[in-house]
Amino acid sequence: MSSVFDCSDTEQLLTGTREARRAIGRGRLVVMPTDTVYGIAADAFSPDAVNALLEAKGRTRQSPPPVLIPSLNSLHALAEDVPEPIERAAEKFWPGALTIILNARSSLNWDLGDTQGTVALRIPDEPVALAVLEETGPLAVSSANRHSQPAATTIDDAQQQLGDSVEVYLDHGTSHSGLSSTIIDATLFEVNGAVRIVRQGGVTPEQLAEVIGDGKVLTE
């Protein structure tokens, strides 16, 4: 049976983050708030846990989850190369609603699905999520909803869709924006000097262009 913790209460916050860490360590799933929508999280380095996340959402390996990280140090640990303009964008918009797809380090022992050697990374601007990430390290995290259903902006939304497939639910009220992150593909930046917006969300093309450069943000 799932456990729900009200993270607005200090005691429940401490207990909830501890139980979330334990659940992740056992390969189980956790729902936690982010600055965009609620996310369903699994140990990024456990193929079984990632598969459980995909099954809970009703998605296939062709839809690999992004990875949430606690710091910029993790960006360099997980990505093979980070061009300087892309690092500037990370420094500008992280923590925040920008997901960056980069080539993953080939030495990493993980299986997130059919990523074609890439990884989508983000630091969330949400204290509960960051507290969990500081304890667990990188987590595979996707929006807490069944495939084709609206992303959960409250813990009740997430529970109704995911039920007992999740061991721990961390409740921190309604999501700040209810808007998903902007996803950019930077894997070919060294080749064509541009990023491609895969999904528009909390960071606009204009904001990205101010950091990465005019004409370097493609929307198609």
Foldseek 3Di string as FASTA:
>chain_A
DADEFECVDPVSLVVQLVVCQVQQVVLAWEWEAFQAAIKIKHQQLDQSSLVLVCVLQVHALVDFFAKEFQDVVVVPVFAPDQDPLNVQVQVVAPQHQEKEKAFTDPPRRGRRGPPVRIHIYHYTPDVSVNSNCVSRGMIRIDFLAHPPDQGHQFQVRSCVGRPPSHHYYYGHDGRNHNKHGWYWYCHCCVPPVAIETPDDTDADPVNSCVRSHPPRYHDD
